[in-house]
C-alpha cells in the first residue's frame, strides 16, 4: 500500500520561501510520476507541479512556473517542492500524490494521496 506524508508547511510572510517534503513508501516509483496539488476552502483542488520519478522531468502550472521548483531524492523516496517568492494567494493546503501516467493535471488521475500540509502566506 502506497503511503505519502507531507511536511514542511507553515506560516511565512509574503516574499518568503518554504520547502515542502513528501515522503513516499510502499511501492517502487520508477514507473510513476508524483505531483503537488493545493486546495483552498471552497475551491477545487489545483495542480501545482509534477515530476517523473525515473528521470526527473518536471512540469508546472502557470502559477508555479518560475517561483516553485519540484525535485526528488530517489535514495530516500522523497519529493520536494521549493517555493520562493510566496504570495498570499499561495495560501492553501498542499497535497502530494502519485499517478501511473505523465502529464496528468487532474486530481482524478492520481490514485494515492497524502493528508496535506497547510501553507499560510501573510501579506
N, C-alpha and C. Protein backbone atom coordinates (compact mmCIF):
# COMPACT_ATOMS: atom_id res chain seq x y z
N UNK A 1 0.84 -1.18 0.00
CA UNK A 1 0.00 0.00 0.00
C UNK A 1 0.89 1.24 0.00
N UNK A 2 0.65 2.11 -0.97
CA UNK A 2 1.42 3.34 -1.05
C UNK A 2 1.01 4.29 0.06
N UNK A 3 1.98 4.87 0.69
CA UNK A 3 1.72 5.90 1.70
C UNK A 3 2.55 7.14 1.38
N UNK A 4 1.92 8.27 1.49
CA UNK A 4 2.57 9.55 1.24
C UNK A 4 2.36 10.45 2.45
N UNK A 5 3.39 11.13 2.86
CA UNK A 5 3.28 12.01 4.02
C UNK A 5 3.99 13.32 3.73
N UNK A 6 3.23 14.40 3.76
CA UNK A 6 3.77 15.73 3.53
C UNK A 6 4.27 16.34 4.83
N UNK A 7 5.23 17.24 4.69
CA UNK A 7 5.71 18.04 5.81
C UNK A 7 6.31 19.32 5.26
N UNK A 8 6.55 20.26 6.16
CA UNK A 8 7.24 21.48 5.77
C UNK A 8 6.36 22.71 5.64
N UNK A 9 5.05 22.53 5.80
CA UNK A 9 4.19 23.69 5.72
C UNK A 9 4.37 24.61 6.91
N UNK A 10 3.75 25.78 6.84
CA UNK A 10 3.83 26.72 7.94
C UNK A 10 3.37 28.08 7.53
N UNK A 11 3.68 29.04 8.40
CA UNK A 11 3.31 30.44 8.18
C UNK A 11 4.55 31.21 7.73
N UNK A 12 4.40 31.95 6.65
CA UNK A 12 5.53 32.72 6.12
C UNK A 12 5.00 34.05 5.59
N UNK A 13 5.83 35.06 5.63
CA UNK A 13 5.45 36.37 5.09
C UNK A 13 5.56 36.36 3.56
N UNK A 14 4.79 37.22 2.95
CA UNK A 14 4.86 37.37 1.50
C UNK A 14 6.30 37.65 1.07
N UNK A 15 6.71 36.99 0.00
CA UNK A 15 8.08 37.10 -0.48
C UNK A 15 9.01 36.06 0.09
N UNK A 16 8.56 35.34 1.10
CA UNK A 16 9.39 34.33 1.74
C UNK A 16 9.39 33.00 1.00
N UNK A 17 10.04 32.02 1.62
CA UNK A 17 10.21 30.70 0.99
C UNK A 17 9.85 29.60 1.96
N UNK A 18 9.43 28.50 1.41
CA UNK A 18 9.20 27.27 2.16
C UNK A 18 9.61 26.10 1.28
N UNK A 19 10.03 25.01 1.92
CA UNK A 19 10.27 23.78 1.18
C UNK A 19 9.39 22.68 1.76
N UNK A 20 8.53 22.16 0.92
CA UNK A 20 7.67 21.05 1.30
C UNK A 20 8.35 19.73 0.95
N UNK A 21 8.10 18.74 1.79
CA UNK A 21 8.61 17.40 1.53
C UNK A 21 7.45 16.42 1.47
N UNK A 22 7.64 15.38 0.68
CA UNK A 22 6.66 14.30 0.59
C UNK A 22 7.43 12.98 0.67
N UNK A 23 7.29 12.31 1.80
CA UNK A 23 7.95 11.02 1.99
C UNK A 23 7.03 9.91 1.48
N UNK A 24 7.56 9.09 0.59
CA UNK A 24 6.76 8.04 -0.05
C UNK A 24 7.25 6.66 0.37
N UNK A 25 6.33 5.74 0.53
CA UNK A 25 6.68 4.37 0.89
C UNK A 25 5.64 3.41 0.34
N UNK A 26 5.98 2.13 0.35
CA UNK A 26 5.02 1.09 -0.02
C UNK A 26 5.03 0.70 -1.47
N UNK A 27 5.93 1.26 -2.26
CA UNK A 27 5.98 0.89 -3.67
C UNK A 27 7.30 1.35 -4.25
N UNK A 28 7.58 0.84 -5.44
CA UNK A 28 8.65 1.43 -6.22
C UNK A 28 8.02 2.47 -7.14
N UNK A 29 8.66 3.59 -7.30
CA UNK A 29 8.04 4.70 -8.02
C UNK A 29 8.68 4.95 -9.38
N UNK A 30 9.54 4.06 -9.81
CA UNK A 30 10.26 4.27 -11.06
C UNK A 30 9.33 4.35 -12.28
N UNK A 31 8.16 3.74 -12.20
CA UNK A 31 7.19 3.78 -13.29
C UNK A 31 6.09 4.79 -13.03
N UNK A 32 6.32 5.65 -12.09
CA UNK A 32 5.28 6.61 -11.70
C UNK A 32 5.76 8.04 -11.79
N UNK A 33 4.78 8.92 -11.73
CA UNK A 33 5.05 10.34 -11.56
C UNK A 33 4.41 10.77 -10.24
N UNK A 34 4.93 11.84 -9.71
CA UNK A 34 4.39 12.37 -8.47
C UNK A 34 4.10 13.85 -8.66
N UNK A 35 3.09 14.31 -7.96
CA UNK A 35 2.68 15.69 -8.15
C UNK A 35 2.34 16.39 -6.86
N UNK A 36 2.30 17.70 -6.95
CA UNK A 36 1.83 18.55 -5.85
C UNK A 36 0.55 19.24 -6.32
N UNK A 37 -0.42 19.25 -5.43
CA UNK A 37 -1.67 19.97 -5.63
C UNK A 37 -1.89 20.88 -4.43
N UNK A 38 -2.81 21.81 -4.58
CA UNK A 38 -3.18 22.63 -3.44
C UNK A 38 -4.67 22.92 -3.48
N UNK A 39 -5.21 23.20 -2.31
CA UNK A 39 -6.64 23.44 -2.21
C UNK A 39 -6.94 24.47 -1.15
N UNK A 40 -7.74 25.46 -1.54
CA UNK A 40 -8.25 26.47 -0.61
C UNK A 40 -9.68 26.10 -0.24
N UNK A 41 -10.13 26.53 0.93
CA UNK A 41 -11.51 26.24 1.33
C UNK A 41 -12.50 26.72 0.27
N UNK A 42 -13.42 25.85 -0.09
CA UNK A 42 -14.46 26.22 -1.05
C UNK A 42 -14.02 26.18 -2.50
N UNK A 43 -12.78 25.77 -2.73
CA UNK A 43 -12.30 25.73 -4.12
C UNK A 43 -11.85 24.32 -4.48
N UNK A 44 -11.76 24.07 -5.76
CA UNK A 44 -11.32 22.76 -6.23
C UNK A 44 -9.82 22.59 -6.01
N UNK A 45 -9.43 21.33 -5.91
CA UNK A 45 -8.01 21.04 -5.79
C UNK A 45 -7.31 21.42 -7.10
N UNK A 46 -6.17 22.10 -6.96
CA UNK A 46 -5.50 22.71 -8.10
C UNK A 46 -4.12 22.09 -8.31
N UNK A 47 -3.79 21.75 -9.53
CA UNK A 47 -2.47 21.22 -9.87
C UNK A 47 -1.41 22.30 -9.70
N UNK A 48 -0.27 21.91 -9.14
CA UNK A 48 0.85 22.83 -8.95
C UNK A 48 2.05 22.41 -9.81
N UNK A 49 2.49 21.16 -9.63
CA UNK A 49 3.68 20.68 -10.33
C UNK A 49 3.71 19.18 -10.26
N UNK A 50 4.46 18.59 -11.21
CA UNK A 50 4.65 17.15 -11.18
C UNK A 50 6.05 16.80 -11.66
N UNK A 51 6.49 15.61 -11.29
CA UNK A 51 7.82 15.15 -11.65
C UNK A 51 7.76 13.66 -12.00
N UNK A 52 8.47 13.30 -13.05
CA UNK A 52 8.56 11.90 -13.44
C UNK A 52 9.69 11.27 -12.65
N UNK A 53 9.37 10.25 -11.89
CA UNK A 53 10.34 9.71 -10.95
C UNK A 53 11.58 9.17 -11.64
N UNK A 54 11.42 8.58 -12.80
CA UNK A 54 12.53 7.88 -13.44
C UNK A 54 13.64 8.81 -13.90
N UNK A 55 13.28 9.99 -14.42
CA UNK A 55 14.32 10.85 -14.98
C UNK A 55 14.25 12.29 -14.49
N UNK A 56 13.31 12.60 -13.60
CA UNK A 56 13.24 13.94 -13.03
C UNK A 56 12.60 14.99 -13.92
N UNK A 57 12.04 14.59 -15.05
CA UNK A 57 11.34 15.56 -15.90
C UNK A 57 10.21 16.20 -15.10
N UNK A 58 10.08 17.51 -15.22
CA UNK A 58 9.08 18.22 -14.41
C UNK A 58 8.15 19.04 -15.30
N UNK A 59 7.04 19.37 -14.69
CA UNK A 59 6.02 20.17 -15.38
C UNK A 59 5.32 21.02 -14.34
N UNK A 60 5.05 22.27 -14.67
CA UNK A 60 4.50 23.22 -13.70
C UNK A 60 3.22 23.89 -14.21
N UNK A 61 2.40 24.28 -13.26
CA UNK A 61 1.28 25.14 -13.60
C UNK A 61 1.82 26.55 -13.89
N UNK A 62 1.03 27.34 -14.54
CA UNK A 62 1.47 28.71 -14.84
C UNK A 62 1.74 29.50 -13.55
N UNK A 63 0.96 29.24 -12.52
CA UNK A 63 1.13 29.99 -11.27
C UNK A 63 2.41 29.60 -10.54
N UNK A 64 2.90 28.40 -10.79
CA UNK A 64 4.10 27.91 -10.11
C UNK A 64 5.38 28.17 -10.91
N UNK A 65 5.25 28.27 -12.19
CA UNK A 65 6.41 28.40 -13.07
C UNK A 65 7.24 29.62 -12.71
N UNK A 66 8.53 29.40 -12.53
CA UNK A 66 9.43 30.50 -12.22
C UNK A 66 9.59 30.79 -10.74
N UNK A 67 8.68 30.28 -9.91
CA UNK A 67 8.78 30.53 -8.46
C UNK A 67 8.98 29.25 -7.68
N UNK A 68 8.41 28.16 -8.15
CA UNK A 68 8.48 26.88 -7.45
C UNK A 68 9.40 25.93 -8.20
N UNK A 69 10.02 25.02 -7.47
CA UNK A 69 10.87 24.01 -8.09
C UNK A 69 10.58 22.66 -7.45
N UNK A 70 10.25 21.68 -8.28
CA UNK A 70 9.97 20.33 -7.80
C UNK A 70 11.21 19.47 -8.03
N UNK A 71 11.48 18.59 -7.09
CA UNK A 71 12.62 17.70 -7.21
C UNK A 71 12.33 16.41 -6.45
N UNK A 72 13.20 15.41 -6.65
CA UNK A 72 13.02 14.17 -5.90
C UNK A 72 14.38 13.59 -5.55
N UNK A 73 14.37 12.85 -4.45
CA UNK A 73 15.55 12.14 -3.98
C UNK A 73 15.20 10.65 -4.01
N UNK A 74 15.68 9.97 -5.04
CA UNK A 74 15.33 8.57 -5.20
C UNK A 74 15.84 7.69 -4.09
N UNK A 75 16.99 8.03 -3.54
CA UNK A 75 17.58 7.22 -2.48
C UNK A 75 16.71 7.23 -1.23
N UNK A 76 16.00 8.30 -1.02
CA UNK A 76 15.17 8.43 0.18
C UNK A 76 13.68 8.45 -0.13
N UNK A 77 13.33 8.19 -1.39
CA UNK A 77 11.92 8.17 -1.79
C UNK A 77 11.18 9.41 -1.30
N UNK A 78 11.79 10.55 -1.52
CA UNK A 78 11.20 11.81 -1.05
C UNK A 78 11.14 12.81 -2.20
N UNK A 79 10.03 13.50 -2.27
CA UNK A 79 9.83 14.55 -3.26
C UNK A 79 9.77 15.88 -2.53
N UNK A 80 10.21 16.92 -3.21
CA UNK A 80 10.26 18.24 -2.60
C UNK A 80 9.56 19.27 -3.50
N UNK A 81 9.11 20.32 -2.84
CA UNK A 81 8.62 21.48 -3.57
C UNK A 81 9.23 22.71 -2.90
N UNK A 82 10.19 23.31 -3.56
CA UNK A 82 10.80 24.55 -3.09
C UNK A 82 9.95 25.70 -3.59
N UNK A 83 9.41 26.47 -2.68
CA UNK A 83 8.54 27.58 -3.04
C UNK A 83 9.19 28.89 -2.65
N UNK A 84 9.46 29.73 -3.63
CA UNK A 84 10.08 31.03 -3.41
C UNK A 84 9.12 32.13 -3.84
N UNK A 85 9.37 33.32 -3.35
CA UNK A 85 8.52 34.44 -3.74
C UNK A 85 7.06 34.19 -3.43
N UNK A 86 6.78 33.66 -2.25
CA UNK A 86 5.41 33.29 -1.93
C UNK A 86 4.50 34.50 -1.84
N UNK A 87 3.26 34.29 -2.26
CA UNK A 87 2.25 35.33 -2.28
C UNK A 87 1.07 34.90 -1.40
N UNK A 88 0.28 35.83 -0.90
CA UNK A 88 -0.90 35.44 -0.11
C UNK A 88 -1.82 34.48 -0.85
N UNK A 89 -1.89 34.60 -2.14
CA UNK A 89 -2.76 33.70 -2.91
C UNK A 89 -2.22 32.28 -3.02
N UNK A 90 -1.01 32.06 -2.52
CA UNK A 90 -0.47 30.69 -2.46
C UNK A 90 -0.96 29.96 -1.20
N UNK A 91 -1.63 30.67 -0.33
CA UNK A 91 -2.16 30.06 0.89
C UNK A 91 -3.14 28.95 0.55
N UNK A 92 -2.87 27.75 1.07
CA UNK A 92 -3.69 26.58 0.76
C UNK A 92 -3.15 25.39 1.55
N UNK A 93 -3.91 24.31 1.51
CA UNK A 93 -3.38 23.02 1.95
C UNK A 93 -2.71 22.39 0.73
N UNK A 94 -1.48 21.97 0.90
CA UNK A 94 -0.73 21.38 -0.20
C UNK A 94 -0.68 19.86 -0.01
N UNK A 95 -0.99 19.15 -1.10
CA UNK A 95 -1.03 17.70 -1.09
C UNK A 95 -0.02 17.14 -2.09
N UNK A 96 0.58 16.01 -1.73
CA UNK A 96 1.33 15.26 -2.73
C UNK A 96 0.52 14.03 -3.12
N UNK A 97 0.76 13.59 -4.35
CA UNK A 97 0.00 12.47 -4.88
C UNK A 97 0.84 11.78 -5.94
N UNK A 98 0.43 10.57 -6.30
CA UNK A 98 1.17 9.81 -7.30
C UNK A 98 0.22 9.23 -8.34
N UNK A 99 0.74 9.11 -9.57
CA UNK A 99 -0.04 8.62 -10.69
C UNK A 99 0.82 7.74 -11.57
N UNK A 100 0.19 6.84 -12.29
CA UNK A 100 0.92 5.98 -13.22
C UNK A 100 1.23 6.69 -14.53
N UNK A 101 0.53 7.77 -14.79
CA UNK A 101 0.69 8.42 -16.08
C UNK A 101 1.65 9.60 -16.01
N UNK A 102 1.75 10.29 -17.11
CA UNK A 102 2.55 11.51 -17.19
C UNK A 102 1.68 12.61 -17.79
N UNK A 103 1.91 13.84 -17.35
CA UNK A 103 1.16 14.96 -17.86
C UNK A 103 -0.23 15.08 -17.29
N UNK A 104 -0.48 14.37 -16.20
CA UNK A 104 -1.80 14.38 -15.58
C UNK A 104 -1.92 15.56 -14.63
N UNK A 105 -2.84 16.45 -14.92
CA UNK A 105 -3.02 17.62 -14.07
C UNK A 105 -4.35 17.59 -13.33
N UNK A 106 -5.17 16.59 -13.59
CA UNK A 106 -6.45 16.49 -12.89
C UNK A 106 -6.32 15.55 -11.69
N UNK A 107 -6.88 15.93 -10.55
CA UNK A 107 -6.77 15.10 -9.35
C UNK A 107 -7.27 13.67 -9.55
N UNK A 108 -8.26 13.47 -10.37
CA UNK A 108 -8.83 12.14 -10.52
C UNK A 108 -7.85 11.16 -11.17
N UNK A 109 -6.80 11.65 -11.77
CA UNK A 109 -5.80 10.78 -12.39
C UNK A 109 -4.80 10.23 -11.38
N UNK A 110 -4.83 10.72 -10.17
CA UNK A 110 -3.88 10.32 -9.13
C UNK A 110 -4.56 9.35 -8.18
N UNK A 111 -3.86 8.24 -7.88
CA UNK A 111 -4.52 7.20 -7.12
C UNK A 111 -4.13 7.12 -5.65
N UNK A 112 -3.08 7.78 -5.25
CA UNK A 112 -2.72 7.82 -3.85
C UNK A 112 -2.38 9.25 -3.46
N UNK A 113 -2.82 9.62 -2.24
CA UNK A 113 -2.68 10.99 -1.76
C UNK A 113 -2.16 11.02 -0.33
N UNK A 114 -1.45 12.09 -0.01
CA UNK A 114 -1.11 12.35 1.37
C UNK A 114 -2.22 13.11 2.06
N UNK A 115 -2.01 13.42 3.32
CA UNK A 115 -3.02 14.10 4.13
C UNK A 115 -2.98 15.62 3.99
N UNK A 116 -1.90 16.14 3.46
CA UNK A 116 -1.81 17.57 3.23
C UNK A 116 -1.04 18.31 4.31
N UNK A 117 -0.48 19.44 3.94
CA UNK A 117 0.21 20.32 4.87
C UNK A 117 -0.20 21.75 4.57
N UNK A 118 -0.50 22.50 5.63
CA UNK A 118 -1.01 23.86 5.46
C UNK A 118 0.13 24.85 5.20
N UNK A 119 -0.06 25.65 4.19
CA UNK A 119 0.84 26.77 3.90
C UNK A 119 0.03 28.04 4.00
N UNK A 120 0.49 28.96 4.83
CA UNK A 120 -0.18 30.24 5.00
C UNK A 120 0.81 31.35 4.74
N UNK A 121 0.46 32.23 3.81
CA UNK A 121 1.32 33.35 3.45
C UNK A 121 0.64 34.64 3.87
N UNK A 122 1.26 35.36 4.77
CA UNK A 122 0.69 36.61 5.26
C UNK A 122 1.18 37.78 4.43
N UNK A 123 0.32 38.76 4.31
CA UNK A 123 0.67 39.94 3.49
C UNK A 123 1.34 41.00 4.33
